[in-house]
Amino acid sequence: MSDGPQTPRTLTVSQFLIGAGIFEGGMLLVAFALGWLVSVHPTQELLWTWQGAWMGVVATGPLLLFLAAGFLSRSGGLRQIREFLQEVLGPMLHGCRLIDILFLALLAGVCEEVLFRGLVYQWARDINPTFAIMLTNILFGLAHAITPMYAWLAGIMGLYLTALMTLPPEPNLLIPIVAHTLYDFIAFLIVRWDFRRQLAVKRAARAADSPSAPSPDSDETEPTRLSANNSANDGPVDGQSSDRSSD
């Protein structure tokens, strides 16, 4: 890990967004391709209702509390996650517009939920509900295994998202999609804010360490003043000597 925020050197923002679109979109394609093979429609429990959307918004609250606790924690594992996000994701998000970040959050929320809770859970549920919950969230955690701690936390988050879909009287995939999307959107904004804050601190430290221009009242101006005074004193002396020679 480096000492501070770094600017992106390998990817432009456009390349980053295109790469994210290909990766997340690939998950969506895999979901429908595998669903066709095993005769499971990944969006069969996706109900476009205002109630489902509102439940997803409300369900984001506990996830944000979880996020805040992670940022405030002094745990070594959580600190490692923050450093990773700051150094790898922060520079990319630094150059993103608000609409770009919303696009990223939508990609993750829709594509990942359709794959894991739309396909994997529904397919495995026919075998055994407990097996379905375990398999879905183990795979979800492994898909986010940027660090061991992050994989473990993602698995816990996956359990919560699975409960959001399955516990209501009428299961609805829209609820975890909305919660996942809104959570990612806010989390991305926080990562970008944290990166920019660290970048501002680093720039301020560099500015403080750089030599400043001398003040007009500083001692460095004294040689100039003395030189000017000597020049002024030399004028009359030269004039007097010319007068004497003319006499």
C-alpha atoms as a PDB file:
ATOM      1  CA  MET A   1       0.000   0.000   0.000  1.00  0.00           C
ATOM      2  CA  SER A   2       1.247   3.473  -0.822  1.00  0.00           C
ATOM      3  CA  ASP A   3       1.359   6.416   1.539  1.00  0.00           C
ATOM      4  CA  GLY A   4      -1.502   8.353  -0.001  1.00  0.00           C
ATOM      5  CA  PRO A   5      -4.011   8.729  -2.808  1.00  0.00           C
ATOM      6  CA  GLN A   6      -2.647   8.216  -6.269  1.00  0.00           C
ATOM      7  CA  THR A   7      -3.954   9.507  -9.566  1.00  0.00           C
ATOM      8  CA  PRO A   8      -4.955   6.908 -12.150  1.00  0.00           C
ATOM      9  CA  ARG A   9      -2.073   5.893 -14.390  1.00  0.00           C
ATOM     10  CA  THR A  10      -3.313   2.839 -16.266  1.00  0.00           C
ATOM     11  CA  LEU A  11      -6.987   3.512 -17.030  1.00  0.00           C
ATOM     12  CA  THR A  12      -8.922   6.545 -18.142  1.00  0.00           C
ATOM     13  CA  VAL A  13     -12.376   7.155 -16.724  1.00  0.00           C
ATOM     14  CA  SER A  14     -13.937   6.062 -20.023  1.00  0.00           C
ATOM     15  CA  GLN A  15     -11.958   2.828 -20.010  1.00  0.00           C
ATOM     16  CA  PHE A  16     -12.941   2.218 -16.396  1.00  0.00           C
ATOM     17  CA  LEU A  17     -16.645   2.710 -17.132  1.00  0.00           C
ATOM     18  CA  ILE A  18     -16.505   0.526 -20.234  1.00  0.00           C
ATOM     19  CA  GLY A  19     -14.650  -2.192 -18.322  1.00  0.00           C
ATOM     20  CA  ALA A  20     -17.201  -2.082 -15.503  1.00  0.00           C
ATOM     21  CA  GLY A  21     -20.012  -2.285 -18.045  1.00  0.00           C
ATOM     22  CA  ILE A  22     -18.463  -5.320 -19.711  1.00  0.00           C
ATOM     23  CA  PHE A  23     -17.810  -7.082 -16.400  1.00  0.00           C
ATOM     24  CA  GLU A  24     -21.206  -6.443 -14.825  1.00  0.00           C
ATOM     25  CA  GLY A  25     -23.048  -6.886 -18.097  1.00  0.00           C
ATOM     26  CA  GLY A  26     -21.254 -10.204 -18.501  1.00  0.00           C
ATOM     27  CA  MET A  27     -22.824 -11.327 -15.217  1.00  0.00           C
ATOM     28  CA  LEU A  28     -26.252 -10.551 -16.640  1.00  0.00           C
ATOM     29  CA  LEU A  29     -25.542 -12.521 -19.807  1.00  0.00           C
ATOM     30  CA  VAL A  30     -24.253 -15.462 -17.750  1.00  0.00           C
ATOM     31  CA  ALA A  31     -27.422 -15.363 -15.641  1.00  0.00           C
ATOM     32  CA  PHE A  32     -29.716 -15.669 -18.657  1.00  0.00           C
ATOM     33  CA  ALA A  33     -27.488 -18.191 -20.433  1.00  0.00           C
ATOM     34  CA  LEU A  34     -27.281 -20.489 -17.408  1.00  0.00           C
ATOM     35  CA  GLY A  35     -30.935 -19.911 -16.675  1.00  0.00           C
ATOM     36  CA  TRP A  36     -31.792 -21.158 -20.166  1.00  0.00           C
ATOM     37  CA  LEU A  37     -29.650 -24.263 -19.598  1.00  0.00           C
ATOM     38  CA  VAL A  38     -31.253 -25.163 -16.248  1.00  0.00           C
ATOM     39  CA  SER A  39     -34.764 -23.934 -17.151  1.00  0.00           C
ATOM     40  CA  VAL A  40     -34.812 -21.137 -14.569  1.00  0.00           C
ATOM     41  CA  HIS A  41     -35.843 -17.617 -15.560  1.00  0.00           C
ATOM     42  CA  PRO A  42     -33.630 -15.234 -13.499  1.00  0.00           C
ATOM     43  CA  THR A  43     -36.253 -12.483 -13.348  1.00  0.00           C
ATOM     44  CA  GLN A  44     -39.334 -14.597 -12.694  1.00  0.00           C
ATOM     45  CA  GLU A  45     -39.638 -13.132  -9.187  1.00  0.00           C
ATOM     46  CA  LEU A  46     -38.986  -9.556 -10.273  1.00  0.00           C
ATOM     47  CA  LEU A  47     -42.159  -7.561  -9.645  1.00  0.00           C
ATOM     48  CA  TRP A  48     -42.197  -3.892 -10.688  1.00  0.00           C
ATOM     49  CA  THR A  49     -44.221  -2.422  -7.843  1.00  0.00           C
ATOM     50  CA  TRP A  50     -43.960   0.839  -5.923  1.00  0.00           C
ATOM     51  CA  GLN A  51     -44.207  -1.089  -2.688  1.00  0.00           C
ATOM     52  CA  GLY A  52     -41.180  -3.209  -3.623  1.00  0.00           C
ATOM     53  CA  ALA A  53     -39.196  -0.123  -4.624  1.00  0.00           C
ATOM     54  CA  TRP A  54     -40.076   1.653  -1.357  1.00  0.00           C
ATOM     55  CA  MET A  55     -39.151  -1.403   0.693  1.00  0.00           C
ATOM     56  CA  GLY A  56     -35.787  -1.458  -1.073  1.00  0.00           C
ATOM     57  CA  VAL A  57     -35.165   2.197  -0.192  1.00  0.00           C
ATOM     58  CA  VAL A  58     -36.033   1.642   3.468  1.00  0.00           C
ATOM     59  CA  ALA A  59     -33.923  -1.533   3.589  1.00  0.00           C
ATOM     60  CA  THR A  60     -30.860   0.497   2.571  1.00  0.00           C
ATOM     61  CA  GLY A  61     -30.727   2.068   6.045  1.00  0.00           C
ATOM     62  CA  PRO A  62     -29.179  -0.901   7.895  1.00  0.00           C
ATOM     63  CA  LEU A  63     -26.661  -1.348   5.072  1.00  0.00           C
ATOM     64  CA  LEU A  64     -25.542   2.267   5.439  1.00  0.00           C
ATOM     65  CA  LEU A  65     -25.155   1.825   9.201  1.00  0.00           C
ATOM     66  CA  PHE A  66     -23.005  -1.199   8.425  1.00  0.00           C
ATOM     67  CA  LEU A  67     -20.955   0.937   6.027  1.00  0.00           C
ATOM     68  CA  ALA A  68     -20.517   3.726   8.580  1.00  0.00           C
ATOM     69  CA  ALA A  69     -19.354   1.265  11.212  1.00  0.00           C
ATOM     70  CA  GLY A  70     -16.798  -0.087   8.781  1.00  0.00           C
ATOM     71  CA  PHE A  71     -15.396   3.364   8.013  1.00  0.00           C
ATOM     72  CA  LEU A  72     -15.166   4.303  11.675  1.00  0.00           C
ATOM     73  CA  SER A  73     -13.679   0.999  12.820  1.00  0.00           C
ATOM     74  CA  ARG A  74      -9.966   0.727  13.621  1.00  0.00           C
ATOM     75  CA  SER A  75      -9.863  -2.965  12.709  1.00  0.00           C
ATOM     76  CA  GLY A  76      -6.845  -3.933  10.623  1.00  0.00           C
ATOM     77  CA  GLY A  77      -8.956  -5.874   8.147  1.00  0.00           C
ATOM     78  CA  LEU A  78     -11.390  -2.996   7.631  1.00  0.00           C
ATOM     79  CA  ARG A  79      -8.523  -0.519   7.351  1.00  0.00           C
ATOM     80  CA  GLN A  80      -7.040  -2.691   4.602  1.00  0.00           C
ATOM     81  CA  ILE A  81     -10.349  -2.536   2.728  1.00  0.00           C
ATOM     82  CA  ARG A  82     -10.475   1.263   3.043  1.00  0.00           C
ATOM     83  CA  GLU A  83      -6.912   1.570   1.750  1.00  0.00           C
ATOM     84  CA  PHE A  84      -7.707  -0.685  -1.191  1.00  0.00           C
ATOM     85  CA  LEU A  85     -10.811   1.300  -2.093  1.00  0.00           C
ATOM     86  CA  GLN A  86      -8.949   4.583  -1.723  1.00  0.00           C
ATOM     87  CA  GLU A  87      -5.991   3.550  -3.867  1.00  0.00           C
ATOM     88  CA  VAL A  88      -7.753   1.470  -6.545  1.00  0.00           C
ATOM     89  CA  LEU A  89     -11.346   2.690  -6.779  1.00  0.00           C
ATOM     90  CA  GLY A  90     -10.862   6.238  -5.482  1.00  0.00           C
ATOM     91  CA  PRO A  91      -8.793   7.544  -8.433  1.00  0.00           C
ATOM     92  CA  MET A  92     -11.346   6.207 -10.901  1.00  0.00           C
ATOM     93  CA  LEU A  93     -14.342   7.658  -9.059  1.00  0.00           C
ATOM     94  CA  HIS A  94     -12.466  10.956  -8.657  1.00  0.00           C
ATOM     95  CA  GLY A  95     -12.863  11.566 -12.379  1.00  0.00           C
ATOM     96  CA  CYS A  96     -16.461  10.335 -12.604  1.00  0.00           C
ATOM     97  CA  ARG A  97     -19.517  12.540 -12.862  1.00  0.00           C
ATOM     98  CA  LEU A  98     -22.563  11.921 -10.698  1.00  0.00           C
ATOM     99  CA  ILE A  99     -24.371  10.240 -13.603  1.00  0.00           C
ATOM    100  CA  ASP A 100     -21.376   7.934 -14.102  1.00  0.00           C
ATOM    101  CA  ILE A 101     -21.507   6.827 -10.477  1.00  0.00           C
ATOM    102  CA  LEU A 102     -25.242   6.209 -10.744  1.00  0.00           C
ATOM    103  CA  PHE A 103     -24.580   4.113 -13.853  1.00  0.00           C
ATOM    104  CA  LEU A 104     -22.026   2.009 -11.957  1.00  0.00           C
ATOM    105  CA  ALA A 105     -24.405   1.494  -9.037  1.00  0.00           C
ATOM    106  CA  LEU A 106     -27.240   0.439 -11.327  1.00  0.00           C
ATOM    107  CA  LEU A 107     -24.986  -2.010 -13.140  1.00  0.00           C
ATOM    108  CA  ALA A 108     -23.919  -3.657  -9.903  1.00  0.00           C
ATOM    109  CA  GLY A 109     -27.359  -3.666  -8.322  1.00  0.00           C
ATOM    110  CA  VAL A 110     -29.213  -5.110 -11.302  1.00  0.00           C
ATOM    111  CA  CYS A 111     -26.660  -7.500 -12.793  1.00  0.00           C
ATOM    112  CA  GLU A 112     -25.405  -9.020  -9.537  1.00  0.00           C
ATOM    113  CA  GLU A 113     -28.851  -9.487  -8.046  1.00  0.00           C
ATOM    114  CA  VAL A 114     -30.221 -11.118 -11.196  1.00  0.00           C
ATOM    115  CA  LEU A 115     -27.284 -13.550 -11.236  1.00  0.00           C
ATOM    116  CA  PHE A 116     -27.042 -14.460  -7.560  1.00  0.00           C
ATOM    117  CA  ARG A 117     -30.558 -14.103  -6.171  1.00  0.00           C
ATOM    118  CA  GLY A 118     -32.405 -14.341  -9.461  1.00  0.00           C
ATOM    119  CA  LEU A 119     -30.666 -17.419 -10.854  1.00  0.00           C
ATOM    120  CA  VAL A 120     -28.451 -19.174  -8.294  1.00  0.00           C
ATOM    121  CA  TYR A 121     -30.888 -18.943  -5.387  1.00  0.00           C
ATOM    122  CA  GLN A 122     -33.937 -19.985  -7.389  1.00  0.00           C
ATOM    123  CA  TRP A 123     -32.117 -22.900  -8.988  1.00  0.00           C
ATOM    124  CA  ALA A 124     -30.663 -24.170  -5.686  1.00  0.00           C
ATOM    125  CA  ARG A 125     -33.939 -23.646  -3.803  1.00  0.00           C
ATOM    126  CA  ASP A 126     -35.475 -26.553  -5.659  1.00  0.00           C
ATOM    127  CA  ILE A 127     -32.737 -28.751  -4.190  1.00  0.00           C
ATOM    128  CA  ASN A 128     -32.858 -27.415  -0.633  1.00  0.00           C
ATOM    129  CA  PRO A 129     -33.689 -23.919   0.719  1.00  0.00           C
ATOM    130  CA  THR A 130     -30.827 -23.951   3.243  1.00  0.00           C
ATOM    131  CA  PHE A 131     -28.402 -25.084   0.572  1.00  0.00           C
ATOM    132  CA  ALA A 132     -29.700 -22.294  -1.676  1.00  0.00           C
ATOM    133  CA  ILE A 133     -29.001 -19.627   0.950  1.00  0.00           C
ATOM    134  CA  MET A 134     -25.505 -20.942   1.666  1.00  0.00           C
ATOM    135  CA  LEU A 135     -24.510 -21.394  -1.976  1.00  0.00           C
ATOM    136  CA  THR A 136     -25.862 -18.034  -3.098  1.00  0.00           C
ATOM    137  CA  ASN A 137     -24.056 -16.027  -0.467  1.00  0.00           C
ATOM    138  CA  ILE A 138     -20.797 -17.958  -0.552  1.00  0.00           C
ATOM    139  CA  LEU A 139     -20.615 -17.255  -4.278  1.00  0.00           C
ATOM    140  CA  PHE A 140     -21.632 -13.638  -3.681  1.00  0.00           C
ATOM    141  CA  GLY A 141     -18.838 -13.251  -1.121  1.00  0.00           C
ATOM    142  CA  LEU A 142     -16.267 -14.869  -3.408  1.00  0.00           C
ATOM    143  CA  ALA A 143     -17.274 -12.505  -6.219  1.00  0.00           C
ATOM    144  CA  HIS A 144     -16.259  -9.608  -3.930  1.00  0.00           C
ATOM    145  CA  ALA A 145     -13.086 -11.188  -2.536  1.00  0.00           C
ATOM    146  CA  ILE A 146     -10.765  -8.217  -2.929  1.00  0.00           C
ATOM    147  CA  THR A 147      -9.603  -9.101   0.599  1.00  0.00           C
ATOM    148  CA  PRO A 148     -10.605 -12.002   2.882  1.00  0.00           C
ATOM    149  CA  MET A 149     -12.421  -9.598   5.201  1.00  0.00           C
ATOM    150  CA  TYR A 150     -14.297  -8.008   2.303  1.00  0.00           C
ATOM    151  CA  ALA A 151     -15.437 -11.419   1.062  1.00  0.00           C
ATOM    152  CA  TRP A 152     -16.732 -12.281   4.541  1.00  0.00           C
ATOM    153  CA  LEU A 153     -18.584  -8.958   4.861  1.00  0.00           C
ATOM    154  CA  ALA A 154     -20.039  -9.319   1.361  1.00  0.00           C
ATOM    155  CA  GLY A 155     -21.342 -12.749   2.339  1.00  0.00           C
ATOM    156  CA  ILE A 156     -23.133 -11.247   5.341  1.00  0.00           C
ATOM    157  CA  MET A 157     -24.551  -8.503   3.140  1.00  0.00           C
ATOM    158  CA  GLY A 158     -25.686 -11.199   0.719  1.00  0.00           C
ATOM    159  CA  LEU A 159     -27.607 -12.953   3.493  1.00  0.00           C
ATOM    160  CA  TYR A 160     -29.413  -9.696   4.215  1.00  0.00           C
ATOM    161  CA  LEU A 161     -30.235  -9.136   0.539  1.00  0.00           C
ATOM    162  CA  THR A 162     -31.509 -12.709   0.232  1.00  0.00           C
ATOM    163  CA  ALA A 163     -33.774 -12.155   3.241  1.00  0.00           C
ATOM    164  CA  LEU A 164     -35.142  -8.981   1.633  1.00  0.00           C
ATOM    165  CA  MET A 165     -36.286 -10.995  -1.367  1.00  0.00           C
ATOM    166  CA  THR A 166     -37.599 -14.098   0.384  1.00  0.00           C
ATOM    167  CA  LEU A 167     -39.168 -12.937   3.653  1.00  0.00           C
ATOM    168  CA  PRO A 168     -42.049 -10.797   2.305  1.00  0.00           C
ATOM    169  CA  PRO A 169     -45.317 -12.685   1.697  1.00  0.00           C
ATOM    170  CA  GLU A 170     -44.778 -12.191  -2.015  1.00  0.00           C
ATOM    171  CA  PRO A 171     -41.071 -12.656  -2.924  1.00  0.00           C
ATOM    172  CA  ASN A 172     -39.774  -9.774  -5.008  1.00  0.00           C
ATOM    173  CA  LEU A 173     -36.307  -9.433  -6.541  1.00  0.00           C
ATOM    174  CA  LEU A 174     -36.889  -5.694  -6.927  1.00  0.00           C
ATOM    175  CA  ILE A 175     -36.351  -5.137  -3.190  1.00  0.00           C
ATOM    176  CA  PRO A 176     -32.695  -6.299  -3.070  1.00  0.00           C
ATOM    177  CA  ILE A 177     -32.032  -4.668  -6.456  1.00  0.00           C
ATOM    178  CA  VAL A 178     -33.102  -1.247  -5.144  1.00  0.00           C
ATOM    179  CA  ALA A 179     -31.289  -1.696  -1.813  1.00  0.00           C
ATOM    180  CA  HIS A 180     -28.100  -2.915  -3.510  1.00  0.00           C
ATOM    181  CA  THR A 181     -28.148  -0.086  -6.074  1.00  0.00           C
ATOM    182  CA  LEU A 182     -28.795   2.684  -3.557  1.00  0.00           C
ATOM    183  CA  TYR A 183     -26.183   1.311  -1.160  1.00  0.00           C
ATOM    184  CA  ASP A 184     -23.533   1.121  -3.896  1.00  0.00           C
ATOM    185  CA  PHE A 185     -24.374   4.637  -5.089  1.00  0.00           C
ATOM    186  CA  ILE A 186     -23.878   6.130  -1.627  1.00  0.00           C
ATOM    187  CA  ALA A 187     -20.808   3.980  -0.951  1.00  0.00           C
ATOM    188  CA  PHE A 188     -19.200   5.125  -4.226  1.00  0.00           C
ATOM    189  CA  LEU A 189     -19.862   8.754  -3.305  1.00  0.00           C
ATOM    190  CA  ILE A 190     -18.254   8.224   0.101  1.00  0.00           C
ATOM    191  CA  VAL A 191     -15.189   6.567  -1.449  1.00  0.00           C
ATOM    192  CA  ARG A 192     -14.837   9.481  -3.885  1.00  0.00           C
ATOM    193  CA  TRP A 193     -15.240  12.024  -1.080  1.00  0.00           C
ATOM    194  CA  ASP A 194     -12.652  10.219   1.043  1.00  0.00           C
ATOM    195  CA  PHE A 195     -10.188  10.084  -1.849  1.00  0.00           C
ATOM    196  CA  ARG A 196     -10.607  13.798  -2.608  1.00  0.00           C
ATOM    197  CA  ARG A 197     -10.226  14.667   1.078  1.00  0.00           C
ATOM    198  CA  GLN A 198      -6.969  12.723   1.314  1.00  0.00           C
ATOM    199  CA  LEU A 199      -5.786  14.275  -1.932  1.00  0.00           C
ATOM    200  CA  ALA A 200      -6.472  17.783  -0.594  1.00  0.00           C
ATOM    201  CA  VAL A 201      -4.578  16.982   2.623  1.00  0.00           C
ATOM    202  CA  LYS A 202      -1.626  15.694   0.634  1.00  0.00           C
ATOM    203  CA  ARG A 203      -1.554  18.772  -1.602  1.00  0.00           C
ATOM    204  CA  ALA A 204      -1.752  21.087   1.401  1.00  0.00           C
ATOM    205  CA  ALA A 205       1.179  19.277   3.002  1.00  0.00           C
ATOM    206  CA  ARG A 206       3.216  19.648  -0.170  1.00  0.00           C
ATOM    207  CA  ALA A 207       2.388  23.350  -0.375  1.00  0.00           C
ATOM    208  CA  ALA A 208       3.466  23.823   3.250  1.00  0.00           C
ATOM    209  CA  ASP A 209       6.774  22.073   2.589  1.00  0.00           C
ATOM    210  CA  SER A 210       7.598  24.074  -0.552  1.00  0.00           C
ATOM    211  CA  PRO A 211       9.731  27.269  -0.144  1.00  0.00           C
ATOM    212  CA  SER A 212       7.673  30.440  -0.107  1.00  0.00           C
ATOM    213  CA  ALA A 213       8.545  33.769  -1.695  1.00  0.00           C
ATOM    214  CA  PRO A 214      10.405  36.197   0.623  1.00  0.00           C
ATOM    215  CA  SER A 215       8.309  38.742   2.445  1.00  0.00           C
ATOM    216  CA  PRO A 216       8.926  42.446   1.642  1.00  0.00           C
ATOM    217  CA  ASP A 217       9.826  42.971   5.287  1.00  0.00           C
ATOM    218  CA  SER A 218      12.157  39.953   5.512  1.00  0.00           C
ATOM    219  CA  ASP A 219      15.922  40.160   6.057  1.00  0.00           C
ATOM    220  CA  GLU A 220      16.524  38.954   2.499  1.00  0.00           C
ATOM    221  CA  THR A 221      15.635  42.460   1.226  1.00  0.00           C
ATOM    222  CA  GLU A 222      18.332  44.148   3.304  1.00  0.00           C
ATOM    223  CA  PRO A 223      21.180  43.705   0.749  1.00  0.00           C
ATOM    224  CA  THR A 224      18.957  45.389  -1.851  1.00  0.00           C
ATOM    225  CA  ARG A 225      18.243  48.292   0.494  1.00  0.00           C
ATOM    226  CA  LEU A 226      21.922  48.690   1.333  1.00  0.00           C
ATOM    227  CA  SER A 227      22.838  48.643  -2.338  1.00  0.00           C
ATOM    228  CA  ALA A 228      20.240  51.317  -3.059  1.00  0.00           C
ATOM    229  CA  ASN A 229      21.523  53.465  -0.201  1.00  0.00           C
ATOM    230  CA  ASN A 230      25.121  53.155  -1.401  1.00  0.00           C
ATOM    231  CA  SER A 231      24.065  54.171  -4.884  1.00  0.00           C
ATOM    232  CA  ALA A 232      22.283  57.200  -3.498  1.00  0.00           C
ATOM    233  CA  ASN A 233      25.345  58.173  -1.444  1.00  0.00           C
ATOM    234  CA  ASP A 234      27.673  57.727  -4.402  1.00  0.00           C
ATOM    235  CA  GLY A 235      25.756  60.234  -6.521  1.00  0.00           C
ATOM    236  CA  PRO A 236      26.656  63.428  -4.597  1.00  0.00           C
ATOM    237  CA  VAL A 237      30.249  62.290  -4.160  1.00  0.00           C
ATOM    238  CA  ASP A 238      30.672  61.999  -7.888  1.00  0.00           C
ATOM    239  CA  GLY A 239      29.012  65.332  -8.357  1.00  0.00           C
ATOM    240  CA  GLN A 240      31.310  67.014  -5.845  1.00  0.00           C
ATOM    241  CA  SER A 241      34.401  65.641  -7.495  1.00  0.00           C
ATOM    242  CA  SER A 242      33.266  66.929 -10.888  1.00  0.00           C
ATOM    243  CA  ASP A 243      32.601  70.371  -9.393  1.00  0.00           C
ATOM    244  CA  ARG A 244      36.049  70.445  -7.861  1.00  0.00           C
ATOM    245  CA  SER A 245      37.696  69.517 -11.119  1.00  0.00           C
ATOM    246  CA  SER A 246      35.769  72.258 -12.881  1.00  0.00           C
ATOM    247  CA  ASP A 247      36.991  74.744 -10.317  1.00  0.00           C
END
